[in-house]
Amino acid sequence: MKIRICRVFDHQHKSRAYREALADAGYYFTERHYCQGVKFFLSDADWREDMMDEARTKGIPVFLYPHAARPMVQYDGCVEPKPVRCMFTQAPGGAELMKRIGYPNPVEVTGWAFSGVRPFRPAVSVKRILFAPIHPNGNGYLNQVDKDLNARTLERLEAYCAETGAQLSVRLIGMPQHGGMKFGENTEVHAGKKNNSSLDMETADVVVAHQTFAYIAVALGIPTVMMGEDVPPRSGNTEAGFCYVDHWDDYKDYLMFPLDILNGDPAEVIGKAVSTDEPIREWRDRFIGEPFDGPKFVKTLESYL
């Protein structure tokens, strides 16, 4: 039996479900550059130049799994897409968005891979709010737009908790000054990690967050409110490289989460979030969809080899 070898770049443990599916199908993994016999590369991003250069040199196919839970609309003018064999996305909405922005490579839906998928669980009362601010890049940079969103969200949540007696807990990644926030004395702050963990949110009555952390909460059925959903998606890890997408007005109504803490009275928004999933059902079907299907993923990948 011929040994099948592949190379998988793991970004914040987001490749776990894909790696497990490949291992179950009999694949072995290597992290070595220029390893002989590698059938394909699987990465979260096409800007990882070491993998892309090796692929071009040796003619090895490259596949993409999701870099983040929100579909990569940054390909709409901020990031130049590289030629890859196929992009895997988690739900039908991701494939539809790639079509709308003119993404040039094949896109396949293989299910939600970042966590389990559970039914919505309402909260009888709101005693604990978990806020996960937008975190800075690895170099500590966070653009002013996101700093302002963090600060405005924190201000609203602290006011809400002062009025209702709810406890606010902040899951902070990076230094507080990098996120643009100053915390009140009654706000709990604890360090988070970029590891796709859902442990923090399991005891929360409602999660307030942005992008991946918020999407995971929705997938797990936890009442969720997002922030700044009407602000155009953006990219860049320096001020000079900061960029907004080009055609936001063409698909914003399709992508935006229906419950935004900065759009409406916070008490009303949170009240809707914890009582019923009716406002978000269509969005959840669109961007969470069905659980990850490992055999389907492997079969689909191999169909492109």
Protein backbone atom coordinates (compact mmCIF):
# COMPACT_ATOMS: atom_id res chain seq x y z
CA MET A 1 0.00 0.00 0.00
CA LYS A 2 1.42 3.36 -1.05
CA ILE A 3 1.90 5.86 1.79
CA ARG A 4 -0.03 9.06 1.18
CA ILE A 5 1.62 12.18 2.57
CA CYS A 6 0.26 15.71 2.82
CA ARG A 7 1.33 18.94 4.48
CA VAL A 8 -1.21 20.88 6.56
CA PHE A 9 -0.58 24.32 8.01
CA ASP A 10 -2.48 24.68 11.29
CA HIS A 11 -3.82 28.16 12.04
CA GLN A 12 -5.04 28.50 15.65
CA HIS A 13 -6.22 24.85 15.70
CA LYS A 14 -8.71 25.58 12.91
CA SER A 15 -7.37 22.70 10.81
CA ARG A 16 -8.27 20.08 13.44
CA ALA A 17 -11.38 18.64 11.80
CA TYR A 18 -9.70 18.58 8.39
CA ARG A 19 -6.59 16.85 9.75
CA GLU A 20 -8.68 14.26 11.58
CA ALA A 21 -10.65 13.49 8.42
CA LEU A 22 -7.44 13.07 6.43
CA ALA A 23 -5.91 10.86 9.12
CA ASP A 24 -9.03 8.69 9.15
CA ALA A 25 -8.64 8.32 5.39
CA GLY A 26 -5.07 7.08 5.79
CA TYR A 27 -3.02 10.22 5.17
CA TYR A 28 0.24 10.99 6.97
CA PHE A 29 1.47 14.49 7.68
CA THR A 30 4.80 16.22 7.25
CA GLU A 31 5.97 19.67 8.28
CA ARG A 32 9.22 19.45 6.34
CA HIS A 33 9.91 21.71 3.40
CA TYR A 34 10.60 19.93 0.13
CA CYS A 35 9.55 16.55 1.50
CA GLN A 36 9.38 13.92 -1.23
CA GLY A 37 6.03 12.35 -2.05
CA VAL A 38 3.72 15.09 -0.74
CA LYS A 39 0.43 14.87 -2.63
CA PHE A 40 -0.97 18.27 -1.64
CA PHE A 41 -0.76 21.23 0.72
CA LEU A 42 -3.71 22.33 2.84
CA SER A 43 -3.49 25.83 4.31
CA ASP A 44 -5.73 28.49 5.80
CA ALA A 45 -4.31 31.18 3.53
CA ASP A 46 -2.74 31.58 0.11
CA TRP A 47 -0.37 34.29 1.33
CA ARG A 48 1.88 31.81 3.18
CA GLU A 49 4.74 32.23 0.76
CA ASP A 50 6.84 29.23 1.85
CA MET A 51 4.06 26.82 0.95
CA MET A 52 3.04 28.68 -2.20
CA ASP A 53 6.63 28.91 -3.46
CA GLU A 54 7.23 25.22 -2.82
CA ALA A 55 3.97 24.36 -4.56
CA ARG A 56 4.90 26.39 -7.63
CA THR A 57 8.39 24.87 -7.70
CA LYS A 58 7.28 21.26 -7.39
CA GLY A 59 3.81 21.37 -8.94
CA ILE A 60 2.06 20.37 -5.69
CA PRO A 61 -1.67 21.21 -5.49
CA VAL A 62 -2.72 23.73 -2.82
CA PHE A 63 -6.10 23.67 -1.09
CA LEU A 64 -7.54 26.23 1.36
CA TYR A 65 -9.60 25.68 4.49
CA PRO A 66 -11.20 28.70 6.24
CA HIS A 67 -8.82 31.23 7.76
CA ALA A 68 -11.72 32.62 9.81
CA ALA A 69 -15.38 31.79 10.33
CA ARG A 70 -16.56 34.75 8.29
CA PRO A 71 -16.03 34.06 4.59
CA MET A 72 -12.92 35.70 3.11
CA VAL A 73 -14.57 38.72 1.52
CA GLN A 74 -11.18 40.44 1.83
CA TYR A 75 -10.57 38.95 -1.61
CA ASP A 76 -12.89 41.77 -2.72
CA GLY A 77 -10.09 44.26 -3.33
CA CYS A 78 -7.89 43.88 -0.22
CA VAL A 79 -6.14 40.56 -0.84
CA GLU A 80 -5.11 39.27 -4.26
CA PRO A 81 -6.24 35.63 -4.62
CA LYS A 82 -3.54 33.16 -5.64
CA PRO A 83 -4.18 30.17 -7.90
CA VAL A 84 -5.20 27.21 -5.75
CA ARG A 85 -6.87 23.93 -6.65
CA CYS A 86 -9.92 24.55 -4.45
CA MET A 87 -11.18 26.54 -1.47
CA PHE A 88 -13.26 24.73 1.16
CA THR A 89 -15.95 26.75 2.88
CA GLN A 90 -18.16 25.81 5.79
CA ALA A 91 -21.66 26.72 4.65
CA PRO A 92 -23.61 27.73 1.54
CA GLY A 93 -23.31 31.43 2.33
CA GLY A 94 -19.55 31.25 2.00
CA ALA A 95 -19.78 29.79 -1.48
CA GLU A 96 -22.37 32.37 -2.49
CA LEU A 97 -20.23 35.26 -1.28
CA MET A 98 -17.16 34.00 -3.15
CA LYS A 99 -19.32 33.90 -6.28
CA ARG A 100 -20.60 37.42 -5.69
CA ILE A 101 -17.11 38.92 -5.29
CA GLY A 102 -15.76 37.07 -8.31
CA TYR A 103 -13.35 34.72 -6.54
CA PRO A 104 -11.61 32.87 -9.40
CA ASN A 105 -10.99 29.40 -7.90
CA PRO A 106 -13.40 26.51 -7.24
CA VAL A 107 -15.24 26.62 -3.91
CA GLU A 108 -16.70 23.56 -2.16
CA VAL A 109 -18.98 23.37 0.91
CA THR A 110 -18.01 20.62 3.38
CA GLY A 111 -19.75 21.71 6.60
CA TRP A 112 -19.08 23.65 9.79
CA ALA A 113 -15.67 22.57 11.10
CA PHE A 114 -14.78 25.00 13.90
CA SER A 115 -16.98 23.49 16.63
CA GLY A 116 -20.00 21.33 17.20
CA VAL A 117 -23.43 22.42 15.95
CA ARG A 118 -26.16 22.54 18.60
CA PRO A 119 -29.76 23.80 18.83
CA PHE A 120 -30.40 27.26 20.22
CA ARG A 121 -30.67 27.44 24.02
CA PRO A 122 -32.52 30.50 25.32
CA ALA A 123 -31.55 32.22 28.55
CA VAL A 124 -34.17 32.72 31.26
CA SER A 125 -32.33 35.81 32.49
CA VAL A 126 -29.14 37.67 31.66
CA LYS A 127 -26.76 37.29 34.58
CA ARG A 128 -23.44 36.90 32.76
CA ILE A 129 -22.33 38.59 29.54
CA LEU A 130 -19.14 37.51 27.83
CA PHE A 131 -17.57 40.17 25.60
CA ALA A 132 -14.80 39.18 23.20
CA PRO A 133 -13.37 42.40 21.69
CA ILE A 134 -11.74 42.52 18.28
CA HIS A 135 -8.17 41.47 18.93
CA PRO A 136 -5.00 43.03 17.51
CA ASN A 137 -2.75 41.34 14.97
CA GLY A 138 0.28 39.41 16.13
CA ASN A 139 2.40 42.55 15.84
CA GLY A 140 0.06 44.42 18.22
CA TYR A 141 -1.55 46.57 15.51
CA LEU A 142 -5.28 47.17 15.50
CA ASN A 143 -6.79 49.77 13.21
CA GLN A 144 -8.63 52.72 14.70
CA VAL A 145 -11.98 51.56 13.29
CA ASP A 146 -11.86 48.36 15.33
CA LYS A 147 -10.55 50.15 18.41
CA ASP A 148 -13.56 52.46 18.23
CA LEU A 149 -15.94 49.51 17.83
CA ASN A 150 -14.41 47.87 20.90
CA ALA A 151 -14.66 51.04 22.97
CA ARG A 152 -18.25 51.80 21.95
CA THR A 153 -19.34 48.22 22.62
CA LEU A 154 -17.67 48.17 26.04
CA GLU A 155 -19.33 51.46 26.96
CA ARG A 156 -22.78 50.12 26.06
CA LEU A 157 -22.26 46.83 27.86
CA GLU A 158 -20.96 48.45 31.04
CA ALA A 159 -23.96 50.79 31.08
CA TYR A 160 -26.32 47.86 30.54
CA CYS A 161 -24.72 45.89 33.37
CA ALA A 162 -24.85 48.90 35.71
CA GLU A 163 -28.59 49.15 35.09
CA THR A 164 -29.43 45.43 35.27
CA GLY A 165 -26.89 44.00 37.69
CA ALA A 166 -25.51 41.58 35.11
CA GLN A 167 -21.82 40.69 35.32
CA LEU A 168 -19.63 41.63 32.37
CA SER A 169 -16.63 39.43 31.64
CA VAL A 170 -14.17 40.42 28.91
CA ARG A 171 -12.10 37.83 27.05
CA LEU A 172 -9.06 39.88 26.11
CA ILE A 173 -6.39 38.89 23.61
CA GLY A 174 -3.33 41.13 23.61
CA MET A 175 -2.65 44.16 25.78
CA PRO A 176 -5.61 46.37 26.80
CA GLN A 177 -4.09 49.45 25.16
CA HIS A 178 -3.90 47.62 21.82
CA GLY A 179 -7.66 47.10 21.81
CA GLY A 180 -8.56 50.72 22.49
CA MET A 181 -10.45 50.10 25.76
CA LYS A 182 -10.44 51.24 29.38
CA PHE A 183 -12.36 48.96 31.72
CA GLY A 184 -14.63 49.93 34.59
CA GLU A 185 -13.94 48.62 38.07
CA ASN A 186 -16.86 46.16 37.96
CA THR A 187 -15.78 44.56 34.69
CA GLU A 188 -13.94 41.25 34.88
CA VAL A 189 -11.05 40.89 32.44
CA HIS A 190 -9.29 37.63 31.69
CA ALA A 191 -6.73 36.57 29.09
CA GLY A 192 -7.94 34.61 26.10
CA LYS A 193 -5.98 32.63 23.54
CA LYS A 194 -6.21 32.33 19.77
CA ASN A 195 -7.03 28.64 19.94
CA ASN A 196 -10.66 28.33 18.78
CA SER A 197 -11.72 27.38 22.32
CA SER A 198 -15.38 27.66 23.29
CA LEU A 199 -14.91 27.05 27.03
CA ASP A 200 -15.36 30.71 27.98
CA MET A 201 -18.74 30.99 26.32
CA GLU A 202 -20.34 27.85 27.76
CA THR A 203 -21.31 29.58 31.02
CA ALA A 204 -22.42 32.86 29.45
CA ASP A 205 -26.05 33.84 29.05
CA VAL A 206 -25.11 35.91 26.01
CA VAL A 207 -21.93 36.37 23.99
CA VAL A 208 -21.05 39.71 22.40
CA ALA A 209 -18.29 39.35 19.81
CA HIS A 210 -17.14 39.72 16.23
CA GLN A 211 -16.25 37.24 13.50
CA THR A 212 -14.95 33.77 14.48
CA PHE A 213 -15.68 33.80 18.22
CA ALA A 214 -19.21 35.04 17.58
CA TYR A 215 -19.82 32.53 14.78
CA ILE A 216 -18.75 29.66 17.06
CA ALA A 217 -21.18 30.86 19.73
CA VAL A 218 -24.00 30.88 17.17
CA ALA A 219 -23.06 27.37 16.02
CA LEU A 220 -23.19 26.14 19.63
CA GLY A 221 -26.66 27.60 20.13
CA ILE A 222 -25.50 30.26 22.61
CA PRO A 223 -27.41 33.58 22.45
CA THR A 224 -25.16 35.91 20.49
CA VAL A 225 -24.95 39.58 19.61
CA MET A 226 -22.36 40.93 17.22
CA MET A 227 -20.82 44.39 16.84
CA GLY A 228 -20.14 46.74 13.95
CA GLU A 229 -21.75 44.45 11.39
CA ASP A 230 -22.60 47.41 9.16
CA VAL A 231 -18.95 48.52 8.92
CA PRO A 232 -17.28 47.32 5.70
CA PRO A 233 -14.89 44.35 6.15
CA ARG A 234 -11.26 45.41 6.24
CA SER A 235 -7.75 44.04 6.22
CA GLY A 236 -4.20 45.04 7.09
CA ASN A 237 -1.68 44.63 9.89
CA THR A 238 -0.15 48.10 9.50
CA GLU A 239 -1.59 51.57 9.01
CA ALA A 240 -0.13 51.72 5.51
CA GLY A 241 -1.65 48.38 4.58
CA PHE A 242 -5.15 49.09 5.91
CA CYS A 243 -7.85 48.47 3.31
CA TYR A 244 -11.66 48.23 3.00
CA VAL A 245 -13.32 45.81 0.58
CA ASP A 246 -14.44 47.30 -2.73
CA HIS A 247 -18.09 46.28 -3.18
CA TRP A 248 -19.57 46.14 0.31
CA ASP A 249 -22.94 47.57 -0.73
CA ASP A 250 -23.43 44.66 -3.15
CA TYR A 251 -23.54 41.98 -0.44
CA LYS A 252 -23.73 43.62 3.00
CA ASP A 253 -27.39 42.72 3.51
CA TYR A 254 -26.54 39.10 2.80
CA LEU A 255 -23.59 38.92 5.23
CA MET A 256 -24.54 41.10 8.21
CA PHE A 257 -25.66 39.38 11.40
CA PRO A 258 -29.18 40.56 12.35
CA LEU A 259 -28.41 41.48 15.99
CA ASP A 260 -25.85 44.24 16.54
CA ILE A 261 -25.19 45.79 19.96
CA LEU A 262 -24.33 49.11 18.28
CA ASN A 263 -27.52 49.20 16.21
CA GLY A 264 -30.49 49.76 18.50
CA ASP A 265 -31.16 49.84 22.22
CA PRO A 266 -28.80 47.34 23.93
CA ALA A 267 -31.53 46.04 26.25
CA GLU A 268 -33.83 45.32 23.32
CA VAL A 269 -31.06 43.71 21.24
CA ILE A 270 -29.90 41.50 24.10
CA GLY A 271 -33.51 40.66 24.98
CA LYS A 272 -34.13 39.40 21.45
CA ALA A 273 -30.87 37.44 21.41
CA VAL A 274 -31.58 35.45 24.58
CA SER A 275 -35.28 34.77 24.02
CA THR A 276 -35.48 33.25 20.55
CA ASP A 277 -33.37 32.38 17.54
CA GLU A 278 -36.07 33.47 15.11
CA PRO A 279 -34.22 36.65 14.03
CA ILE A 280 -31.04 34.71 13.17
CA ARG A 281 -32.31 31.38 11.77
CA GLU A 282 -31.88 32.31 8.13
CA TRP A 283 -28.43 33.77 8.79
CA ARG A 284 -27.39 30.66 10.73
CA ASP A 285 -28.52 28.35 7.92
CA ARG A 286 -26.55 30.52 5.52
CA PHE A 287 -23.24 30.80 7.39
CA ILE A 288 -23.17 27.89 9.88
CA GLY A 289 -25.18 25.28 8.01
CA GLU A 290 -24.60 21.58 8.57
CA PRO A 291 -21.88 19.91 10.71
CA PHE A 292 -18.57 19.10 9.08
CA ASP A 293 -18.64 16.00 6.87
CA GLY A 294 -15.15 14.48 7.00
CA PRO A 295 -15.63 11.77 4.35
CA LYS A 296 -17.21 14.31 2.01
CA PHE A 297 -14.29 16.67 2.51
CA VAL A 298 -11.72 13.97 1.70
CA LYS A 299 -13.68 12.70 -1.29
CA THR A 300 -14.08 16.22 -2.64
CA LEU A 301 -10.41 17.06 -2.15
CA GLU A 302 -9.30 13.87 -3.89
CA SER A 303 -11.58 14.66 -6.82
CA TYR A 304 -9.35 17.66 -7.54
CA LEU A 305 -6.07 15.71 -7.49
